[in-house]
Amino acid sequence: MSQDQAAAITDTQLEKTRARYGLLAVVASNLAIVVVAIIGVWRLDGDKSVIVGVLTAAFTAVSSMTTAYLGIKAISNTAKSFALSDSARRAAGSAAPSGGTDPRPGA
C-alpha cells in the first residue's frame, strides 16, 4: 500500500470518527435538554405559562443544536469534495503534455 493510500484511509477513518462523536455529542446534549425540560415541567406543578416557556426554550435549543451540527457537517463535506476534485483536476492538468501553443484565442 502506498503512502497516499494509507493517508486516504487514515483521513477516511478520521472523518468517520469525527462524524460519529459529533453526532454522539449532539444526541447526548439533546437528551440532556429534554431531561431538564421534563424535570422543569414536572416541578412547576401546572403553571401553564411557565411550562409553555420551558418547552419552547427546550424545543428551540434542541432544534438549533441539531440544525447547526447538520449544517456544519454538510458544509464540511461539500468543501472536502470540492477540494478533492480540484486537486484531482490540477493533477490531471499538470500531467497533460504541453503542445507549445497558447490555448487563448487570438494570442
C-alpha atoms as a PDB file:
ATOM      1  CA  MET A   1       0.000   0.000   0.000  1.00  0.00           C
ATOM      2  CA  SER A   2       1.415   3.363  -0.984  1.00  0.00           C
ATOM      3  CA  GLN A   3       1.759   6.304   1.331  1.00  0.00           C
ATOM      4  CA  ASP A   4      -1.074   8.172  -0.468  1.00  0.00           C
ATOM      5  CA  GLN A   5      -3.447   5.239   0.011  1.00  0.00           C
ATOM      6  CA  ALA A   6      -2.523   4.986   3.685  1.00  0.00           C
ATOM      7  CA  ALA A   7      -3.147   8.706   4.132  1.00  0.00           C
ATOM      8  CA  ALA A   8      -6.518   8.400   2.386  1.00  0.00           C
ATOM      9  CA  ILE A   9      -7.538   5.535   4.663  1.00  0.00           C
ATOM     10  CA  THR A  10      -6.406   7.483   7.710  1.00  0.00           C
ATOM     11  CA  ASP A  11      -8.335  10.571   6.560  1.00  0.00           C
ATOM     12  CA  THR A  12     -11.457   8.476   5.965  1.00  0.00           C
ATOM     13  CA  GLN A  13     -11.209   6.875   9.390  1.00  0.00           C
ATOM     14  CA  LEU A  14     -10.641  10.270  10.999  1.00  0.00           C
ATOM     15  CA  GLU A  15     -13.704  11.702   9.244  1.00  0.00           C
ATOM     16  CA  LYS A  16     -15.839   8.734  10.344  1.00  0.00           C
ATOM     17  CA  THR A  17     -14.652   9.141  13.924  1.00  0.00           C
ATOM     18  CA  ARG A  18     -15.390  12.878  13.888  1.00  0.00           C
ATOM     19  CA  ALA A  19     -18.864  12.270  12.480  1.00  0.00           C
ATOM     20  CA  ARG A  20     -19.608   9.521  14.994  1.00  0.00           C
ATOM     21  CA  TYR A  21     -18.514  11.509  18.048  1.00  0.00           C
ATOM     22  CA  GLY A  22     -20.045  14.745  16.777  1.00  0.00           C
ATOM     23  CA  LEU A  23     -23.393  13.035  16.365  1.00  0.00           C
ATOM     24  CA  LEU A  24     -22.997  11.412  19.779  1.00  0.00           C
ATOM     25  CA  ALA A  25     -22.353  14.834  21.345  1.00  0.00           C
ATOM     26  CA  VAL A  26     -25.454  16.305  19.679  1.00  0.00           C
ATOM     27  CA  VAL A  27     -27.675  13.401  20.725  1.00  0.00           C
ATOM     28  CA  ALA A  28     -26.344  13.468  24.302  1.00  0.00           C
ATOM     29  CA  SER A  29     -26.858  17.226  24.625  1.00  0.00           C
ATOM     30  CA  ASN A  30     -30.368  16.943  23.140  1.00  0.00           C
ATOM     31  CA  LEU A  31     -31.211  14.218  25.663  1.00  0.00           C
ATOM     32  CA  ALA A  32     -29.866  16.385  28.479  1.00  0.00           C
ATOM     33  CA  ILE A  33     -32.036  19.299  27.331  1.00  0.00           C
ATOM     34  CA  VAL A  34     -35.110  17.031  27.173  1.00  0.00           C
ATOM     35  CA  VAL A  35     -34.442  15.644  30.662  1.00  0.00           C
ATOM     36  CA  VAL A  36     -34.033  19.138  32.123  1.00  0.00           C
ATOM     37  CA  ALA A  37     -37.228  20.296  30.380  1.00  0.00           C
ATOM     38  CA  ILE A  38     -39.188  17.297  31.704  1.00  0.00           C
ATOM     39  CA  ILE A  39     -37.929  17.845  35.234  1.00  0.00           C
ATOM     40  CA  GLY A  40     -38.674  21.560  34.945  1.00  0.00           C
ATOM     41  CA  VAL A  41     -42.240  20.941  33.767  1.00  0.00           C
ATOM     42  CA  TRP A  42     -42.764  18.337  36.475  1.00  0.00           C
ATOM     43  CA  ARG A  43     -41.546  20.712  39.205  1.00  0.00           C
ATOM     44  CA  LEU A  44     -43.694  23.648  38.051  1.00  0.00           C
ATOM     45  CA  ASP A  45     -46.906  21.978  39.234  1.00  0.00           C
ATOM     46  CA  GLY A  46     -49.187  23.179  36.442  1.00  0.00           C
ATOM     47  CA  ASP A  47     -48.218  26.837  35.876  1.00  0.00           C
ATOM     48  CA  LYS A  48     -49.116  26.756  32.200  1.00  0.00           C
ATOM     49  CA  SER A  49     -47.454  29.983  31.097  1.00  0.00           C
ATOM     50  CA  VAL A  50     -44.098  28.945  32.539  1.00  0.00           C
ATOM     51  CA  ILE A  51     -44.458  25.401  31.184  1.00  0.00           C
ATOM     52  CA  VAL A  52     -45.005  26.811  27.692  1.00  0.00           C
ATOM     53  CA  GLY A  53     -41.861  28.931  28.096  1.00  0.00           C
ATOM     54  CA  VAL A  54     -39.776  25.975  29.268  1.00  0.00           C
ATOM     55  CA  LEU A  55     -40.979  23.721  26.449  1.00  0.00           C
ATOM     56  CA  THR A  56     -40.451  26.455  23.857  1.00  0.00           C
ATOM     57  CA  ALA A  57     -36.907  27.066  25.064  1.00  0.00           C
ATOM     58  CA  ALA A  58     -36.161  23.334  25.090  1.00  0.00           C
ATOM     59  CA  PHE A  59     -37.533  22.849  21.576  1.00  0.00           C
ATOM     60  CA  THR A  60     -35.541  25.841  20.330  1.00  0.00           C
ATOM     61  CA  ALA A  61     -32.330  24.559  21.906  1.00  0.00           C
ATOM     62  CA  VAL A  62     -32.751  21.034  20.504  1.00  0.00           C
ATOM     63  CA  SER A  63     -33.631  22.202  17.001  1.00  0.00           C
ATOM     64  CA  SER A  64     -30.823  24.801  16.942  1.00  0.00           C
ATOM     65  CA  MET A  65     -28.215  22.300  18.109  1.00  0.00           C
ATOM     66  CA  THR A  66     -29.277  19.661  15.598  1.00  0.00           C
ATOM     67  CA  THR A  67     -29.551  22.111  12.712  1.00  0.00           C
ATOM     68  CA  ALA A  68     -26.145  23.617  13.473  1.00  0.00           C
ATOM     69  CA  TYR A  69     -24.476  20.192  13.549  1.00  0.00           C
ATOM     70  CA  LEU A  70     -26.081  19.039  10.309  1.00  0.00           C
ATOM     71  CA  GLY A  71     -25.354  22.343   8.575  1.00  0.00           C
ATOM     72  CA  ILE A  72     -21.707  22.381   9.596  1.00  0.00           C
ATOM     73  CA  LYS A  73     -21.331  18.730   8.589  1.00  0.00           C
ATOM     74  CA  ALA A  74     -22.887  19.369   5.172  1.00  0.00           C
ATOM     75  CA  ILE A  75     -20.658  22.385   4.524  1.00  0.00           C
ATOM     76  CA  SER A  76     -17.592  20.427   5.632  1.00  0.00           C
ATOM     77  CA  ASN A  77     -18.418  17.525   3.319  1.00  0.00           C
ATOM     78  CA  THR A  78     -19.070  19.888   0.401  1.00  0.00           C
ATOM     79  CA  ALA A  79     -15.805  21.753   0.927  1.00  0.00           C
ATOM     80  CA  LYS A  80     -13.873  18.495   1.165  1.00  0.00           C
ATOM     81  CA  SER A  81     -15.378  17.136  -2.062  1.00  0.00           C
ATOM     82  CA  PHE A  82     -14.589  20.408  -3.864  1.00  0.00           C
ATOM     83  CA  ALA A  83     -11.011  20.310  -2.602  1.00  0.00           C
ATOM     84  CA  LEU A  84     -10.561  16.695  -3.685  1.00  0.00           C
ATOM     85  CA  SER A  85     -11.994  17.310  -7.154  1.00  0.00           C
ATOM     86  CA  ASP A  86      -9.886  20.456  -7.555  1.00  0.00           C
ATOM     87  CA  SER A  87      -6.686  18.649  -6.579  1.00  0.00           C
ATOM     88  CA  ALA A  88      -7.529  15.780  -8.958  1.00  0.00           C
ATOM     89  CA  ARG A  89      -8.210  18.268 -11.747  1.00  0.00           C
ATOM     90  CA  ARG A  90      -4.909  20.052 -11.084  1.00  0.00           C
ATOM     91  CA  ALA A  91      -3.011  16.758 -11.044  1.00  0.00           C
ATOM     92  CA  ALA A  92      -4.581  15.741 -14.348  1.00  0.00           C
ATOM     93  CA  GLY A  93      -3.824  19.166 -15.830  1.00  0.00           C
ATOM     94  CA  SER A  94      -0.171  19.120 -14.806  1.00  0.00           C
ATOM     95  CA  ALA A  95       0.266  15.615 -16.229  1.00  0.00           C
ATOM     96  CA  ALA A  96      -1.047  16.652 -19.657  1.00  0.00           C
ATOM     97  CA  PRO A  97       1.747  17.351 -22.166  1.00  0.00           C
ATOM     98  CA  SER A  98       2.119  20.884 -23.387  1.00  0.00           C
ATOM     99  CA  GLY A  99       1.677  21.308 -27.141  1.00  0.00           C
ATOM    100  CA  GLY A 100       3.653  24.531 -27.189  1.00  0.00           C
ATOM    101  CA  THR A 101       0.669  26.553 -28.374  1.00  0.00           C
ATOM    102  CA  ASP A 102      -1.135  29.203 -26.454  1.00  0.00           C
ATOM    103  CA  PRO A 103      -4.667  27.991 -25.689  1.00  0.00           C
ATOM    104  CA  ARG A 104      -6.017  31.570 -25.583  1.00  0.00           C
ATOM    105  CA  PRO A 105      -7.782  32.619 -28.779  1.00  0.00           C
ATOM    106  CA  GLY A 106      -6.081  35.417 -30.653  1.00  0.00           C
ATOM    107  CA  ALA A 107      -2.830  35.140 -28.733  1.00  0.00           C
END
